[in-house]
Amino acid sequence: TGMRILSARAPQMVAWAWGVNGALSVLGATLAIFIAMNWGFQVTLLTASATYVVGLAAWLAATQRQLAQ
């Protein structure tokens, strides 16, 4: 998992990562409800999918950078 990798590479960042995870989970759930109520479930699903694609792209970029070093 990501936390296992982080704890092996930068153990001082694990607490920070858990905090960010918790905060963004609350924000994401709140935004999902807001988007669903105002624009429907299809827009909510598309927004969530786009968010995951951006996260995947960021992870791939970081991984490629680590492999290049």
C-alpha atoms as a PDB file:
ATOM      1  CA  THR A   1       0.000   0.000   0.000  1.00  0.00           C
ATOM      2  CA  GLY A   2       0.985   3.627  -0.259  1.00  0.00           C
ATOM      3  CA  MET A   3       1.423   4.004   3.496  1.00  0.00           C
ATOM      4  CA  ARG A   4       3.739   0.999   3.610  1.00  0.00           C
ATOM      5  CA  ILE A   5       5.889   2.481   0.843  1.00  0.00           C
ATOM      6  CA  LEU A   6       5.890   5.875   2.548  1.00  0.00           C
ATOM      7  CA  SER A   7       6.879   4.404   5.912  1.00  0.00           C
ATOM      8  CA  ALA A   8       9.820   2.642   4.270  1.00  0.00           C
ATOM      9  CA  ARG A   9      11.021   5.722   2.375  1.00  0.00           C
ATOM     10  CA  ALA A  10      10.049   8.635   4.623  1.00  0.00           C
ATOM     11  CA  PRO A  11       8.717   7.492   8.015  1.00  0.00           C
ATOM     12  CA  GLN A  12       8.510  11.062   9.298  1.00  0.00           C
ATOM     13  CA  MET A  13       5.784  11.763   6.701  1.00  0.00           C
ATOM     14  CA  VAL A  14       3.363   8.982   7.731  1.00  0.00           C
ATOM     15  CA  ALA A  15       1.459  11.059  10.309  1.00  0.00           C
ATOM     16  CA  TRP A  16       1.174  13.929   7.846  1.00  0.00           C
ATOM     17  CA  ALA A  17      -0.127  11.563   5.147  1.00  0.00           C
ATOM     18  CA  TRP A  18      -2.795  10.165   7.485  1.00  0.00           C
ATOM     19  CA  GLY A  19      -3.890  13.710   8.320  1.00  0.00           C
ATOM     20  CA  VAL A  20      -4.150  14.668   4.657  1.00  0.00           C
ATOM     21  CA  ASN A  21      -6.031  11.434   3.937  1.00  0.00           C
ATOM     22  CA  GLY A  22      -8.561  12.154   6.673  1.00  0.00           C
ATOM     23  CA  ALA A  23      -9.092  15.773   5.690  1.00  0.00           C
ATOM     24  CA  LEU A  24      -9.522  14.988   2.002  1.00  0.00           C
ATOM     25  CA  SER A  25     -11.894  12.115   2.792  1.00  0.00           C
ATOM     26  CA  VAL A  26     -14.200  14.487   4.656  1.00  0.00           C
ATOM     27  CA  LEU A  27     -13.905  17.124   1.937  1.00  0.00           C
ATOM     28  CA  GLY A  28     -14.524  14.570  -0.828  1.00  0.00           C
ATOM     29  CA  ALA A  29     -17.637  13.162   0.828  1.00  0.00           C
ATOM     30  CA  THR A  30     -19.031  16.650   1.396  1.00  0.00           C
ATOM     31  CA  LEU A  31     -18.333  17.718  -2.180  1.00  0.00           C
ATOM     32  CA  ALA A  32     -19.863  14.506  -3.551  1.00  0.00           C
ATOM     33  CA  ILE A  33     -23.126  15.221  -1.734  1.00  0.00           C
ATOM     34  CA  PHE A  34     -23.104  18.847  -2.895  1.00  0.00           C
ATOM     35  CA  ILE A  35     -22.423  17.920  -6.522  1.00  0.00           C
ATOM     36  CA  ALA A  36     -25.029  15.127  -6.493  1.00  0.00           C
ATOM     37  CA  MET A  37     -27.713  17.403  -5.076  1.00  0.00           C
ATOM     38  CA  ASN A  38     -27.017  20.210  -7.542  1.00  0.00           C
ATOM     39  CA  TRP A  39     -26.013  18.438 -10.762  1.00  0.00           C
ATOM     40  CA  GLY A  40     -26.896  14.768 -10.348  1.00  0.00           C
ATOM     41  CA  PHE A  41     -25.144  11.481  -9.924  1.00  0.00           C
ATOM     42  CA  GLN A  42     -23.704  11.338 -13.432  1.00  0.00           C
ATOM     43  CA  VAL A  43     -21.753  14.560 -12.861  1.00  0.00           C
ATOM     44  CA  THR A  44     -20.700  13.261  -9.443  1.00  0.00           C
ATOM     45  CA  LEU A  45     -19.371  10.055 -10.998  1.00  0.00           C
ATOM     46  CA  LEU A  46     -17.551  11.957 -13.748  1.00  0.00           C
ATOM     47  CA  THR A  47     -16.009  14.325 -11.199  1.00  0.00           C
ATOM     48  CA  ALA A  48     -14.863  11.431  -9.019  1.00  0.00           C
ATOM     49  CA  SER A  49     -13.430   9.625 -12.049  1.00  0.00           C
ATOM     50  CA  ALA A  50     -11.543  12.730 -13.151  1.00  0.00           C
ATOM     51  CA  THR A  51     -10.148  13.137  -9.642  1.00  0.00           C
ATOM     52  CA  TYR A  52      -8.858   9.558  -9.651  1.00  0.00           C
ATOM     53  CA  VAL A  53      -7.303  10.040 -13.105  1.00  0.00           C
ATOM     54  CA  VAL A  54      -5.461  13.143 -11.863  1.00  0.00           C
ATOM     55  CA  GLY A  55      -4.284  11.214  -8.796  1.00  0.00           C
ATOM     56  CA  LEU A  56      -3.078   8.336 -10.973  1.00  0.00           C
ATOM     57  CA  ALA A  57      -1.201  10.743 -13.238  1.00  0.00           C
ATOM     58  CA  ALA A  58       0.478  12.361 -10.223  1.00  0.00           C
ATOM     59  CA  TRP A  59       1.429   8.951  -8.822  1.00  0.00           C
ATOM     60  CA  LEU A  60       2.848   7.818 -12.174  1.00  0.00           C
ATOM     61  CA  ALA A  61       4.845  11.038 -12.534  1.00  0.00           C
ATOM     62  CA  ALA A  62       6.280  10.668  -9.021  1.00  0.00           C
ATOM     63  CA  THR A  63       7.086   7.005  -9.629  1.00  0.00           C
ATOM     64  CA  GLN A  64       8.832   7.751 -12.912  1.00  0.00           C
ATOM     65  CA  ARG A  65      10.850  10.484 -11.228  1.00  0.00           C
ATOM     66  CA  GLN A  66      11.911   8.058  -8.481  1.00  0.00           C
ATOM     67  CA  LEU A  67      12.936   5.436 -11.050  1.00  0.00           C
ATOM     68  CA  ALA A  68      14.952   7.991 -13.028  1.00  0.00           C
ATOM     69  CA  GLN A  69      17.074   8.865  -9.984  1.00  0.00           C
END
